[in-house]
PDB file of N, CA and C in Angstrom:
ATOM      1  N   UNK A   1     -21.097   0.033 -12.722  1.00  0.00           N
ATOM      2  CA  UNK A   1     -21.813  -1.330 -12.459  1.00  0.00           C
ATOM      3  C   UNK A   1     -20.824  -2.495 -12.319  1.00  0.00           C
ATOM      4  N   UNK A   2     -21.019  -3.335 -11.482  1.00  0.00           N
ATOM      5  CA  UNK A   2     -20.404  -4.410 -11.293  1.00  0.00           C
ATOM      6  C   UNK A   2     -21.006  -5.753 -11.838  1.00  0.00           C
ATOM      7  N   UNK A   3     -20.315  -6.480 -12.795  1.00  0.00           N
ATOM      8  CA  UNK A   3     -20.867  -7.830 -13.084  1.00  0.00           C
ATOM      9  C   UNK A   3     -20.734  -8.978 -11.921  1.00  0.00           C
ATOM     10  N   UNK A   4     -21.356  -9.847 -12.002  1.00  0.00           N
ATOM     11  CA  UNK A   4     -21.336 -10.911 -10.993  1.00  0.00           C
ATOM     12  C   UNK A   4     -19.878 -11.501 -10.936  1.00  0.00           C
ATOM     13  N   UNK A   5     -19.073 -11.320 -11.694  1.00  0.00           N
ATOM     14  CA  UNK A   5     -17.604 -11.819 -11.578  1.00  0.00           C
ATOM     15  C   UNK A   5     -16.814 -10.696 -10.842  1.00  0.00           C
ATOM     16  N   UNK A   6     -17.313  -9.502 -10.528  1.00  0.00           N
ATOM     17  CA  UNK A   6     -16.522  -8.584  -9.642  1.00  0.00           C
ATOM     18  C   UNK A   6     -15.772  -7.519 -10.718  1.00  0.00           C
ATOM     19  N   UNK A   7     -16.076  -7.614 -11.981  1.00  0.00           N
ATOM     20  CA  UNK A   7     -15.559  -6.821 -12.920  1.00  0.00           C
ATOM     21  C   UNK A   7     -16.682  -5.556 -13.173  1.00  0.00           C
ATOM     22  N   UNK A   8     -16.083  -4.333 -13.243  1.00  0.00           N
ATOM     23  CA  UNK A   8     -16.710  -3.162 -13.685  1.00  0.00           C
ATOM     24  C   UNK A   8     -17.258  -3.303 -15.110  1.00  0.00           C
ATOM     25  N   UNK A   9     -18.455  -2.739 -15.357  1.00  0.00           N
ATOM     26  CA  UNK A   9     -18.823  -2.921 -16.735  1.00  0.00           C
ATOM     27  C   UNK A   9     -18.481  -1.546 -17.605  1.00  0.00           C
ATOM     28  N   UNK A  10     -18.009  -0.564 -16.649  1.00  0.00           N
ATOM     29  CA  UNK A  10     -17.502   0.616 -17.369  1.00  0.00           C
ATOM     30  C   UNK A  10     -16.134   0.462 -18.039  1.00  0.00           C
ATOM     31  N   UNK A  11     -15.795   1.473 -19.025  1.00  0.00           N
ATOM     32  CA  UNK A  11     -14.457   1.456 -19.535  1.00  0.00           C
ATOM     33  C   UNK A  11     -13.261   1.874 -18.621  1.00  0.00           C
ATOM     34  N   UNK A  12     -13.642   2.565 -17.709  1.00  0.00           N
ATOM     35  CA  UNK A  12     -12.626   3.139 -16.761  1.00  0.00           C
ATOM     36  C   UNK A  12     -11.882   2.291 -16.110  1.00  0.00           C
ATOM     37  N   UNK A  13     -12.460   1.203 -15.486  1.00  0.00           N
ATOM     38  CA  UNK A  13     -11.784   0.223 -14.466  1.00  0.00           C
ATOM     39  C   UNK A  13     -12.377  -1.074 -14.614  1.00  0.00           C
ATOM     40  N   UNK A  14     -11.296  -1.956 -14.855  1.00  0.00           N
ATOM     41  CA  UNK A  14     -11.669  -3.466 -15.007  1.00  0.00           C
ATOM     42  C   UNK A  14     -10.560  -4.226 -14.345  1.00  0.00           C
ATOM     43  N   UNK A  15     -11.112  -5.236 -13.510  1.00  0.00           N
ATOM     44  CA  UNK A  15     -10.219  -6.229 -13.074  1.00  0.00           C
ATOM     45  C   UNK A  15     -10.018  -7.383 -13.968  1.00  0.00           C
ATOM     46  N   UNK A  16      -8.857  -7.824 -14.082  1.00  0.00           N
ATOM     47  CA  UNK A  16      -8.600  -9.045 -14.832  1.00  0.00           C
ATOM     48  C   UNK A  16      -9.045 -10.253 -14.179  1.00  0.00           C
ATOM     49  N   UNK A  17      -9.035 -11.476 -14.675  1.00  0.00           N
ATOM     50  CA  UNK A  17      -9.391 -12.632 -14.084  1.00  0.00           C
ATOM     51  C   UNK A  17      -8.470 -12.882 -12.932  1.00  0.00           C
ATOM     52  N   UNK A  18      -7.255 -12.729 -13.025  1.00  0.00           N
ATOM     53  CA  UNK A  18      -6.370 -13.011 -11.853  1.00  0.00           C
ATOM     54  C   UNK A  18      -6.758 -11.944 -10.758  1.00  0.00           C
ATOM     55  N   UNK A  19      -6.787 -10.747 -10.926  1.00  0.00           N
ATOM     56  CA  UNK A  19      -7.127  -9.692  -9.947  1.00  0.00           C
ATOM     57  C   UNK A  19      -8.347 -10.169  -9.264  1.00  0.00           C
ATOM     58  N   UNK A  20      -9.399 -10.547 -10.080  1.00  0.00           N
ATOM     59  CA  UNK A  20     -10.791 -11.010  -9.527  1.00  0.00           C
ATOM     60  C   UNK A  20     -10.655 -12.048  -8.539  1.00  0.00           C
ATOM     61  N   UNK A  21      -9.824 -13.162  -9.045  1.00  0.00           N
ATOM     62  CA  UNK A  21      -9.514 -14.331  -8.391  1.00  0.00           C
ATOM     63  C   UNK A  21      -8.946 -14.055  -6.777  1.00  0.00           C
ATOM     64  N   UNK A  22      -7.995 -12.988  -6.989  1.00  0.00           N
ATOM     65  CA  UNK A  22      -7.207 -12.704  -5.739  1.00  0.00           C
ATOM     66  C   UNK A  22      -8.063 -12.019  -4.761  1.00  0.00           C
ATOM     67  N   UNK A  23      -9.034 -11.246  -5.299  1.00  0.00           N
ATOM     68  CA  UNK A  23      -9.976 -10.299  -4.575  1.00  0.00           C
ATOM     69  C   UNK A  23     -10.956 -11.210  -3.980  1.00  0.00           C
ATOM     70  N   UNK A  24     -11.435 -12.120  -4.750  1.00  0.00           N
ATOM     71  CA  UNK A  24     -12.417 -13.256  -4.120  1.00  0.00           C
ATOM     72  C   UNK A  24     -11.897 -14.118  -3.230  1.00  0.00           C
ATOM     73  N   UNK A  25     -10.671 -14.268  -3.297  1.00  0.00           N
ATOM     74  CA  UNK A  25     -10.080 -15.186  -2.223  1.00  0.00           C
ATOM     75  C   UNK A  25     -10.003 -14.699  -0.823  1.00  0.00           C
ATOM     76  N   UNK A  26     -10.091 -13.508  -0.512  1.00  0.00           N
ATOM     77  CA  UNK A  26     -10.200 -12.873   0.790  1.00  0.00           C
ATOM     78  C   UNK A  26     -11.471 -13.315   1.453  1.00  0.00           C
ATOM     79  N   UNK A  27     -11.372 -13.767   2.556  1.00  0.00           N
ATOM     80  CA  UNK A  27     -12.560 -14.169   3.447  1.00  0.00           C
ATOM     81  C   UNK A  27     -13.496 -13.010   3.815  1.00  0.00           C
ATOM     82  N   UNK A  28     -12.841 -11.874   3.923  1.00  0.00           N
ATOM     83  CA  UNK A  28     -13.624 -10.719   4.388  1.00  0.00           C
ATOM     84  C   UNK A  28     -14.152  -9.754   3.340  1.00  0.00           C
ATOM     85  N   UNK A  29     -15.329  -9.287   3.531  1.00  0.00           N
ATOM     86  CA  UNK A  29     -15.988  -8.251   2.383  1.00  0.00           C
ATOM     87  C   UNK A  29     -14.926  -7.204   2.089  1.00  0.00           C
ATOM     88  N   UNK A  30     -14.620  -6.924   0.682  1.00  0.00           N
ATOM     89  CA  UNK A  30     -13.601  -5.917   0.392  1.00  0.00           C
ATOM     90  C   UNK A  30     -14.545  -5.144  -0.765  1.00  0.00           C
ATOM     91  N   UNK A  31     -14.676  -3.943  -0.594  1.00  0.00           N
ATOM     92  CA  UNK A  31     -15.212  -3.038  -1.723  1.00  0.00           C
ATOM     93  C   UNK A  31     -14.333  -2.100  -2.066  1.00  0.00           C
ATOM     94  N   UNK A  32     -13.851  -1.937  -3.330  1.00  0.00           N
ATOM     95  CA  UNK A  32     -13.110  -0.930  -3.853  1.00  0.00           C
ATOM     96  C   UNK A  32     -13.847   0.248  -4.379  1.00  0.00           C
ATOM     97  N   UNK A  33     -13.499   1.585  -3.985  1.00  0.00           N
ATOM     98  CA  UNK A  33     -14.242   2.583  -4.374  1.00  0.00           C
ATOM     99  C   UNK A  33     -13.232   3.831  -4.748  1.00  0.00           C
ATOM    100  N   UNK A  34     -13.660   4.742  -5.735  1.00  0.00           N
ATOM    101  CA  UNK A  34     -13.027   5.685  -6.241  1.00  0.00           C
ATOM    102  C   UNK A  34     -12.972   6.901  -5.263  1.00  0.00           C
ATOM    103  N   UNK A  35     -12.444   7.858  -5.490  1.00  0.00           N
ATOM    104  CA  UNK A  35     -12.566   9.252  -4.665  1.00  0.00           C
ATOM    105  C   UNK A  35     -13.946   9.781  -4.502  1.00  0.00           C
ATOM    106  N   UNK A  36     -14.843   9.424  -5.401  1.00  0.00           N
ATOM    107  CA  UNK A  36     -16.171  10.011  -5.343  1.00  0.00           C
ATOM    108  C   UNK A  36     -16.989   8.971  -4.695  1.00  0.00           C
ATOM    109  N   UNK A  37     -16.577   7.758  -4.026  1.00  0.00           N
ATOM    110  CA  UNK A  37     -17.186   6.953  -3.363  1.00  0.00           C
ATOM    111  C   UNK A  37     -18.043   5.959  -4.398  1.00  0.00           C
ATOM    112  N   UNK A  38     -17.852   6.047  -5.673  1.00  0.00           N
ATOM    113  CA  UNK A  38     -18.244   4.925  -6.622  1.00  0.00           C
ATOM    114  C   UNK A  38     -17.723   3.735  -6.540  1.00  0.00           C
ATOM    115  N   UNK A  39     -18.566   2.640  -6.446  1.00  0.00           N
ATOM    116  CA  UNK A  39     -18.075   1.322  -6.210  1.00  0.00           C
ATOM    117  C   UNK A  39     -17.364   0.958  -7.372  1.00  0.00           C
ATOM    118  N   UNK A  40     -15.986   0.541  -7.496  1.00  0.00           N
ATOM    119  CA  UNK A  40     -15.401  -0.012  -8.486  1.00  0.00           C
ATOM    120  C   UNK A  40     -15.241  -1.557  -8.743  1.00  0.00           C
ATOM    121  N   UNK A  41     -15.358  -2.180  -7.552  1.00  0.00           N
ATOM    122  CA  UNK A  41     -15.048  -3.525  -7.479  1.00  0.00           C
ATOM    123  C   UNK A  41     -15.482  -4.139  -5.994  1.00  0.00           C
ATOM    124  N   UNK A  42     -15.968  -5.274  -5.987  1.00  0.00           N
ATOM    125  CA  UNK A  42     -16.294  -5.939  -4.710  1.00  0.00           C
ATOM    126  C   UNK A  42     -16.038  -7.406  -4.948  1.00  0.00           C
ATOM    127  N   UNK A  43     -15.429  -7.903  -3.809  1.00  0.00           N
ATOM    128  CA  UNK A  43     -15.256  -9.476  -3.737  1.00  0.00           C
ATOM    129  C   UNK A  43     -16.485 -10.278  -3.539  1.00  0.00           C
ATOM    130  N   UNK A  44     -16.306 -11.524  -3.665  1.00  0.00           N
ATOM    131  CA  UNK A  44     -17.518 -12.393  -3.583  1.00  0.00           C
ATOM    132  C   UNK A  44     -18.160 -12.197  -2.033  1.00  0.00           C
ATOM    133  N   UNK A  45     -17.320 -12.280  -0.883  1.00  0.00           N
ATOM    134  CA  UNK A  45     -18.208 -12.147   0.288  1.00  0.00           C
ATOM    135  C   UNK A  45     -18.823 -10.617   0.370  1.00  0.00           C
ATOM    136  N   UNK A  46     -18.391  -9.652  -0.130  1.00  0.00           N
ATOM    137  CA  UNK A  46     -19.091  -8.526  -0.163  1.00  0.00           C
ATOM    138  C   UNK A  46     -20.445  -8.559  -0.916  1.00  0.00           C
ATOM    139  N   UNK A  47     -20.339  -9.035  -2.176  1.00  0.00           N
ATOM    140  CA  UNK A  47     -21.557  -9.289  -2.927  1.00  0.00           C
ATOM    141  C   UNK A  47     -22.437 -10.115  -2.295  1.00  0.00           C
ATOM    142  N   UNK A  48     -22.038 -11.144  -1.507  1.00  0.00           N
ATOM    143  CA  UNK A  48     -22.898 -12.009  -0.822  1.00  0.00           C
ATOM    144  C   UNK A  48     -23.589 -11.235   0.297  1.00  0.00           C
ATOM    145  N   UNK A  49     -22.882 -10.438   1.136  1.00  0.00           N
ATOM    146  CA  UNK A  49     -23.334  -9.658   2.166  1.00  0.00           C
ATOM    147  C   UNK A  49     -24.364  -8.581   1.774  1.00  0.00           C
ATOM    148  N   UNK A  50     -23.923  -7.759   0.781  1.00  0.00           N
ATOM    149  CA  UNK A  50     -24.763  -6.708   0.431  1.00  0.00           C
ATOM    150  C   UNK A  50     -25.923  -7.042  -0.653  1.00  0.00           C
ATOM    151  N   UNK A  51     -25.499  -8.069  -1.392  1.00  0.00           N
ATOM    152  CA  UNK A  51     -26.431  -8.561  -2.487  1.00  0.00           C
ATOM    153  C   UNK A  51     -26.058  -8.184  -3.785  1.00  0.00           C
ATOM    154  N   UNK A  52     -26.047  -8.835  -4.784  1.00  0.00           N
ATOM    155  CA  UNK A  52     -25.638  -8.464  -6.229  1.00  0.00           C
ATOM    156  C   UNK A  52     -26.572  -7.375  -6.826  1.00  0.00           C
ATOM    157  N   UNK A  53     -27.840  -7.475  -6.359  1.00  0.00           N
ATOM    158  CA  UNK A  53     -28.677  -6.402  -6.875  1.00  0.00           C
ATOM    159  C   UNK A  53     -28.077  -5.034  -6.600  1.00  0.00           C
ATOM    160  N   UNK A  54     -27.457  -4.582  -5.560  1.00  0.00           N
ATOM    161  CA  UNK A  54     -26.932  -3.365  -5.203  1.00  0.00           C
ATOM    162  C   UNK A  54     -25.871  -2.941  -6.138  1.00  0.00           C
ATOM    163  N   UNK A  55     -25.103  -3.932  -6.391  1.00  0.00           N
ATOM    164  CA  UNK A  55     -23.981  -3.814  -7.342  1.00  0.00           C
ATOM    165  C   UNK A  55     -24.242  -3.834  -8.954  1.00  0.00           C
ATOM    166  N   UNK A  56     -25.463  -4.374  -9.057  1.00  0.00           N
ATOM    167  CA  UNK A  56     -25.994  -4.298 -10.491  1.00  0.00           C
ATOM    168  C   UNK A  56     -26.742  -3.068 -10.937  1.00  0.00           C
ATOM    169  N   UNK A  57     -27.006  -2.161  -9.842  1.00  0.00           N
ATOM    170  CA  UNK A  57     -27.774  -0.966 -10.225  1.00  0.00           C
ATOM    171  C   UNK A  57     -26.891   0.037 -10.739  1.00  0.00           C
ATOM    172  N   UNK A  58     -27.399   1.139 -11.651  1.00  0.00           N
ATOM    173  CA  UNK A  58     -26.557   1.916 -12.143  1.00  0.00           C
ATOM    174  C   UNK A  58     -26.539   3.200 -11.130  1.00  0.00           C
ATOM    175  N   UNK A  59     -25.464   3.644 -10.627  1.00  0.00           N
ATOM    176  CA  UNK A  59     -25.406   4.648  -9.742  1.00  0.00           C
ATOM    177  C   UNK A  59     -25.108   6.101 -10.356  1.00  0.00           C
ATOM    178  N   UNK A  60     -25.673   7.107  -9.877  1.00  0.00           N
ATOM    179  CA  UNK A  60     -25.474   8.418 -10.488  1.00  0.00           C
ATOM    180  C   UNK A  60     -24.814   9.125  -9.516  1.00  0.00           C
TER     181      UNK A  60
END
């Protein structure tokens, strides 16, 4: 699950504040996924485009 600041709430993958700021500085939507297509992180434009509700849902 991704929090509003772009950080994953799981223990496996977390973006630091600097990485989140860099990711959010890109004007184009960026979504980072793992090999199983689980969303690990998304920048602000991606969250705006798709909606925070999608990223806040727990994916199985």
